[in-house]
N, C-alpha and C. Protein backbone atom coordinates (compact mmCIF):
# COMPACT_ATOMS: atom_id res chain seq x y z
N UNK A 1 -17.04 8.88 -21.88
CA UNK A 1 -17.09 9.62 -20.63
C UNK A 1 -15.92 10.60 -20.60
N UNK A 2 -16.19 11.82 -20.25
CA UNK A 2 -15.15 12.84 -20.14
C UNK A 2 -14.51 12.72 -18.75
N UNK A 3 -13.27 12.27 -18.71
CA UNK A 3 -12.57 12.07 -17.45
C UNK A 3 -11.56 13.19 -17.27
N UNK A 4 -11.67 13.96 -16.20
CA UNK A 4 -10.70 15.05 -15.99
C UNK A 4 -9.30 14.49 -15.76
N UNK A 5 -8.29 15.26 -16.13
CA UNK A 5 -6.92 14.82 -15.87
C UNK A 5 -6.41 15.32 -14.53
N UNK A 6 -7.22 16.11 -13.82
CA UNK A 6 -6.88 16.60 -12.49
C UNK A 6 -8.16 17.00 -11.76
N UNK A 7 -8.10 16.97 -10.43
CA UNK A 7 -9.21 17.41 -9.59
C UNK A 7 -8.69 18.50 -8.65
N UNK A 8 -9.45 19.57 -8.49
CA UNK A 8 -9.08 20.65 -7.57
C UNK A 8 -9.93 20.55 -6.31
N UNK A 9 -9.42 21.11 -5.23
CA UNK A 9 -10.17 21.21 -3.97
C UNK A 9 -10.71 19.86 -3.50
N UNK A 10 -9.81 18.91 -3.31
CA UNK A 10 -10.20 17.58 -2.86
C UNK A 10 -9.65 17.30 -1.47
N UNK A 11 -10.26 16.34 -0.81
CA UNK A 11 -9.76 15.82 0.45
C UNK A 11 -9.33 14.38 0.19
N UNK A 12 -8.02 14.12 0.35
CA UNK A 12 -7.45 12.82 -0.01
C UNK A 12 -7.06 12.04 1.24
N UNK A 13 -7.39 10.76 1.25
CA UNK A 13 -6.95 9.87 2.33
C UNK A 13 -5.46 9.59 2.16
N UNK A 14 -4.71 9.64 3.24
CA UNK A 14 -3.26 9.45 3.14
C UNK A 14 -2.85 7.99 2.99
N UNK A 15 -3.65 7.08 3.52
CA UNK A 15 -3.32 5.66 3.39
C UNK A 15 -3.98 5.08 2.15
N UNK A 16 -3.21 4.27 1.44
CA UNK A 16 -3.70 3.63 0.22
C UNK A 16 -4.65 2.48 0.55
N UNK A 17 -5.54 2.19 -0.39
CA UNK A 17 -6.35 0.97 -0.36
C UNK A 17 -5.54 -0.06 -1.14
N UNK A 18 -5.10 -1.11 -0.49
CA UNK A 18 -4.23 -2.10 -1.12
C UNK A 18 -5.00 -3.42 -1.22
N UNK A 19 -5.12 -3.94 -2.43
CA UNK A 19 -5.86 -5.16 -2.70
C UNK A 19 -4.96 -6.17 -3.40
N UNK A 20 -5.32 -7.44 -3.28
CA UNK A 20 -4.66 -8.51 -4.03
C UNK A 20 -3.14 -8.46 -3.90
N UNK A 21 -2.68 -8.45 -2.65
CA UNK A 21 -1.23 -8.47 -2.35
C UNK A 21 -0.48 -7.34 -3.03
N UNK A 22 -1.12 -6.18 -3.12
CA UNK A 22 -0.46 -5.00 -3.69
C UNK A 22 -0.55 -4.87 -5.19
N UNK A 23 -1.27 -5.77 -5.85
CA UNK A 23 -1.38 -5.70 -7.31
C UNK A 23 -2.40 -4.66 -7.77
N UNK A 24 -3.29 -4.26 -6.86
CA UNK A 24 -4.24 -3.18 -7.12
C UNK A 24 -4.13 -2.21 -5.94
N UNK A 25 -3.84 -0.95 -6.24
CA UNK A 25 -3.68 0.07 -5.21
C UNK A 25 -4.46 1.31 -5.62
N UNK A 26 -5.21 1.87 -4.68
CA UNK A 26 -5.95 3.09 -4.98
C UNK A 26 -5.87 4.05 -3.80
N UNK A 27 -6.19 5.31 -4.08
CA UNK A 27 -6.31 6.33 -3.04
C UNK A 27 -7.71 6.93 -3.13
N UNK A 28 -8.39 6.98 -1.99
CA UNK A 28 -9.75 7.53 -1.93
C UNK A 28 -9.68 9.03 -1.71
N UNK A 29 -10.65 9.73 -2.30
CA UNK A 29 -10.75 11.16 -2.08
C UNK A 29 -12.20 11.59 -2.20
N UNK A 30 -12.48 12.75 -1.64
CA UNK A 30 -13.79 13.38 -1.77
C UNK A 30 -13.59 14.63 -2.60
N UNK A 31 -14.38 14.77 -3.67
CA UNK A 31 -14.19 15.93 -4.55
C UNK A 31 -14.87 17.17 -3.98
N UNK A 32 -14.71 18.28 -4.67
CA UNK A 32 -15.24 19.57 -4.19
C UNK A 32 -16.75 19.55 -3.99
N UNK A 33 -17.45 18.69 -4.73
CA UNK A 33 -18.90 18.58 -4.59
C UNK A 33 -19.34 17.59 -3.53
N UNK A 34 -18.38 16.92 -2.88
CA UNK A 34 -18.70 15.96 -1.83
C UNK A 34 -18.82 14.53 -2.29
N UNK A 35 -18.59 14.27 -3.59
CA UNK A 35 -18.68 12.90 -4.11
C UNK A 35 -17.44 12.11 -3.73
N UNK A 36 -17.65 10.84 -3.36
CA UNK A 36 -16.55 9.95 -2.99
C UNK A 36 -16.04 9.24 -4.24
N UNK A 37 -14.71 9.25 -4.41
CA UNK A 37 -14.08 8.66 -5.59
C UNK A 37 -12.77 8.02 -5.17
N UNK A 38 -12.19 7.25 -6.09
CA UNK A 38 -10.83 6.76 -5.87
C UNK A 38 -10.11 6.69 -7.21
N UNK A 39 -8.80 6.87 -7.14
CA UNK A 39 -7.92 6.73 -8.30
C UNK A 39 -7.01 5.55 -8.02
N UNK A 40 -6.89 4.65 -8.99
CA UNK A 40 -6.09 3.46 -8.73
C UNK A 40 -5.33 2.96 -9.92
N UNK A 41 -4.48 1.98 -9.64
CA UNK A 41 -3.66 1.34 -10.66
C UNK A 41 -3.68 -0.17 -10.43
N UNK A 42 -3.76 -0.93 -11.53
CA UNK A 42 -3.80 -2.39 -11.47
C UNK A 42 -2.64 -2.96 -12.27
N UNK A 43 -1.93 -3.89 -11.67
CA UNK A 43 -0.92 -4.66 -12.39
C UNK A 43 -1.62 -5.78 -13.15
N UNK A 44 -0.94 -6.42 -14.09
CA UNK A 44 -1.56 -7.53 -14.81
C UNK A 44 -2.08 -8.60 -13.84
N UNK A 45 -3.27 -9.10 -14.14
CA UNK A 45 -3.89 -10.13 -13.32
C UNK A 45 -5.39 -10.13 -13.49
N UNK A 46 -6.04 -11.08 -12.82
CA UNK A 46 -7.49 -11.20 -12.83
C UNK A 46 -8.00 -10.94 -11.42
N UNK A 47 -9.00 -10.08 -11.30
CA UNK A 47 -9.47 -9.62 -9.99
C UNK A 47 -10.99 -9.66 -9.93
N UNK A 48 -11.52 -10.02 -8.77
CA UNK A 48 -12.96 -9.94 -8.52
C UNK A 48 -13.18 -8.95 -7.38
N UNK A 49 -14.02 -7.96 -7.64
CA UNK A 49 -14.35 -6.92 -6.67
C UNK A 49 -15.83 -7.02 -6.31
N UNK A 50 -16.16 -6.66 -5.07
CA UNK A 50 -17.56 -6.57 -4.66
C UNK A 50 -17.90 -5.10 -4.42
N UNK A 51 -19.17 -4.78 -4.57
CA UNK A 51 -19.62 -3.40 -4.38
C UNK A 51 -20.65 -3.33 -3.26
N UNK A 52 -20.64 -2.21 -2.55
CA UNK A 52 -21.70 -1.90 -1.60
C UNK A 52 -22.63 -0.89 -2.24
N UNK A 53 -22.05 0.20 -2.73
CA UNK A 53 -22.78 1.24 -3.44
C UNK A 53 -22.59 1.04 -4.95
N UNK A 54 -23.45 1.63 -5.77
CA UNK A 54 -23.21 1.59 -7.21
C UNK A 54 -21.87 2.26 -7.52
N UNK A 55 -21.21 1.78 -8.57
CA UNK A 55 -19.92 2.34 -8.97
C UNK A 55 -19.87 2.54 -10.47
N UNK A 56 -19.09 3.51 -10.88
CA UNK A 56 -18.71 3.66 -12.28
C UNK A 56 -17.19 3.53 -12.31
N UNK A 57 -16.70 2.60 -13.10
CA UNK A 57 -15.27 2.43 -13.29
C UNK A 57 -14.90 3.07 -14.62
N UNK A 58 -14.10 4.11 -14.56
CA UNK A 58 -13.66 4.83 -15.76
C UNK A 58 -12.17 4.56 -15.93
N UNK A 59 -11.79 4.04 -17.06
CA UNK A 59 -10.39 3.70 -17.32
C UNK A 59 -9.67 4.96 -17.80
N UNK A 60 -8.55 5.26 -17.15
CA UNK A 60 -7.78 6.46 -17.49
C UNK A 60 -6.51 6.14 -18.27
N UNK A 61 -6.01 4.91 -18.16
CA UNK A 61 -4.82 4.50 -18.91
C UNK A 61 -4.81 2.98 -18.98
N UNK A 62 -4.24 2.44 -20.05
CA UNK A 62 -4.18 0.99 -20.21
C UNK A 62 -5.50 0.44 -20.73
N UNK A 63 -5.66 -0.88 -20.57
CA UNK A 63 -6.85 -1.55 -21.07
C UNK A 63 -7.24 -2.66 -20.11
N UNK A 64 -8.55 -2.84 -19.92
CA UNK A 64 -9.06 -3.93 -19.08
C UNK A 64 -10.17 -4.66 -19.81
N UNK A 65 -10.37 -5.90 -19.41
CA UNK A 65 -11.57 -6.65 -19.75
C UNK A 65 -12.38 -6.73 -18.47
N UNK A 66 -13.69 -6.54 -18.57
CA UNK A 66 -14.52 -6.55 -17.36
C UNK A 66 -15.87 -7.19 -17.64
N UNK A 67 -16.40 -7.83 -16.60
CA UNK A 67 -17.72 -8.45 -16.68
C UNK A 67 -18.40 -8.30 -15.34
N UNK A 68 -19.58 -7.69 -15.35
CA UNK A 68 -20.38 -7.52 -14.14
C UNK A 68 -21.15 -8.80 -13.88
N UNK A 69 -21.27 -9.18 -12.60
CA UNK A 69 -22.00 -10.38 -12.22
C UNK A 69 -23.38 -10.39 -12.87
N UNK A 70 -23.74 -11.51 -13.47
CA UNK A 70 -25.03 -11.64 -14.12
C UNK A 70 -25.01 -11.34 -15.61
N UNK A 71 -23.94 -10.74 -16.10
CA UNK A 71 -23.82 -10.47 -17.53
C UNK A 71 -23.10 -11.64 -18.20
N UNK A 72 -23.42 -11.86 -19.47
CA UNK A 72 -22.81 -12.96 -20.21
C UNK A 72 -21.54 -12.57 -20.94
N UNK A 73 -21.46 -11.32 -21.35
CA UNK A 73 -20.36 -10.88 -22.21
C UNK A 73 -19.33 -10.07 -21.45
N UNK A 74 -18.07 -10.23 -21.84
CA UNK A 74 -16.98 -9.40 -21.35
C UNK A 74 -16.91 -8.14 -22.19
N UNK A 75 -16.66 -7.02 -21.56
CA UNK A 75 -16.42 -5.77 -22.27
C UNK A 75 -14.94 -5.45 -22.24
N UNK A 76 -14.47 -4.74 -23.24
CA UNK A 76 -13.09 -4.28 -23.30
C UNK A 76 -13.12 -2.76 -23.20
N UNK A 77 -12.35 -2.21 -22.25
CA UNK A 77 -12.40 -0.78 -21.95
C UNK A 77 -10.99 -0.20 -21.94
N UNK A 78 -10.85 0.93 -22.60
CA UNK A 78 -9.60 1.66 -22.64
C UNK A 78 -9.79 3.08 -22.13
N UNK A 79 -8.77 3.92 -22.27
CA UNK A 79 -8.85 5.29 -21.76
C UNK A 79 -10.09 6.03 -22.26
N UNK A 80 -10.79 6.66 -21.31
CA UNK A 80 -11.99 7.42 -21.64
C UNK A 80 -13.26 6.59 -21.66
N UNK A 81 -13.15 5.28 -21.49
CA UNK A 81 -14.32 4.42 -21.48
C UNK A 81 -14.64 3.99 -20.05
N UNK A 82 -15.91 3.66 -19.81
CA UNK A 82 -16.33 3.30 -18.46
C UNK A 82 -17.40 2.22 -18.50
N UNK A 83 -17.60 1.60 -17.35
CA UNK A 83 -18.69 0.65 -17.19
C UNK A 83 -19.29 0.84 -15.79
N UNK A 84 -20.57 0.49 -15.67
CA UNK A 84 -21.31 0.71 -14.42
C UNK A 84 -21.55 -0.61 -13.71
N UNK A 85 -21.48 -0.56 -12.39
CA UNK A 85 -21.70 -1.73 -11.56
C UNK A 85 -22.79 -1.39 -10.55
N UNK A 86 -23.85 -2.20 -10.47
CA UNK A 86 -24.90 -1.94 -9.49
C UNK A 86 -24.40 -2.16 -8.06
N UNK A 87 -25.16 -1.67 -7.10
CA UNK A 87 -24.84 -1.89 -5.68
C UNK A 87 -24.98 -3.36 -5.33
N UNK A 88 -24.22 -3.77 -4.33
CA UNK A 88 -24.34 -5.11 -3.74
C UNK A 88 -24.20 -6.23 -4.75
N UNK A 89 -23.18 -6.14 -5.58
CA UNK A 89 -22.90 -7.19 -6.54
C UNK A 89 -21.39 -7.31 -6.67
N UNK A 90 -20.93 -7.94 -7.73
CA UNK A 90 -19.49 -8.08 -7.96
C UNK A 90 -19.20 -7.92 -9.44
N UNK A 91 -17.92 -7.72 -9.72
CA UNK A 91 -17.48 -7.68 -11.11
C UNK A 91 -16.07 -8.23 -11.20
N UNK A 92 -15.77 -8.79 -12.36
CA UNK A 92 -14.45 -9.31 -12.65
C UNK A 92 -13.74 -8.32 -13.56
N UNK A 93 -12.46 -8.13 -13.31
CA UNK A 93 -11.67 -7.24 -14.15
C UNK A 93 -10.33 -7.91 -14.41
N UNK A 94 -9.91 -7.93 -15.67
CA UNK A 94 -8.66 -8.56 -16.08
C UNK A 94 -7.78 -7.53 -16.78
N UNK A 95 -6.54 -7.45 -16.34
CA UNK A 95 -5.52 -6.66 -17.01
C UNK A 95 -4.56 -7.67 -17.63
N UNK A 96 -4.53 -7.73 -18.96
CA UNK A 96 -3.71 -8.74 -19.62
C UNK A 96 -2.23 -8.38 -19.65
N UNK A 97 -1.92 -7.11 -19.87
CA UNK A 97 -0.52 -6.70 -19.87
C UNK A 97 -0.40 -5.21 -19.56
N UNK A 98 0.77 -4.81 -19.14
CA UNK A 98 0.99 -3.42 -18.77
C UNK A 98 0.20 -3.06 -17.52
N UNK A 99 0.09 -1.79 -17.28
CA UNK A 99 -0.68 -1.29 -16.14
C UNK A 99 -1.99 -0.69 -16.63
N UNK A 100 -3.03 -0.81 -15.82
CA UNK A 100 -4.29 -0.13 -16.09
C UNK A 100 -4.53 0.84 -14.94
N UNK A 101 -4.98 2.04 -15.26
CA UNK A 101 -5.31 3.03 -14.25
C UNK A 101 -6.79 3.38 -14.38
N UNK A 102 -7.39 3.73 -13.24
CA UNK A 102 -8.83 3.97 -13.25
C UNK A 102 -9.24 5.06 -12.27
N UNK A 103 -10.41 5.59 -12.53
CA UNK A 103 -11.14 6.46 -11.62
C UNK A 103 -12.42 5.72 -11.26
N UNK A 104 -12.65 5.50 -9.98
CA UNK A 104 -13.88 4.87 -9.53
C UNK A 104 -14.76 5.95 -8.90
N UNK A 105 -16.00 6.02 -9.38
CA UNK A 105 -16.97 6.99 -8.88
C UNK A 105 -18.03 6.20 -8.12
N UNK A 106 -18.20 6.52 -6.84
CA UNK A 106 -19.14 5.79 -5.99
C UNK A 106 -20.48 6.52 -5.92
N UNK A 107 -21.56 5.71 -5.82
CA UNK A 107 -22.87 6.29 -5.57
C UNK A 107 -23.67 6.64 -6.72
């Protein structure tokens, strides 16, 4: 997946989305085309997220292991790689060491 290193003409929420006692933090924004996205960073740990809308998680830095609910295998994702999550489900994501950064694309 081609992940841009910057976005122009965006509307950014000033308050962060803080999860898991501050171990996962993201900022939501709407891009020039009206798509809702977020950029975030994860500290080492294991996290379970739920989805309302379909999501694409694109890793921009670091490495994660991830498994979508209902799948048997864990995937390993690094910079430039992504995985898709259907609406109304959950996924597990593990950061073993260092920081992982991501772009989440909703819808």
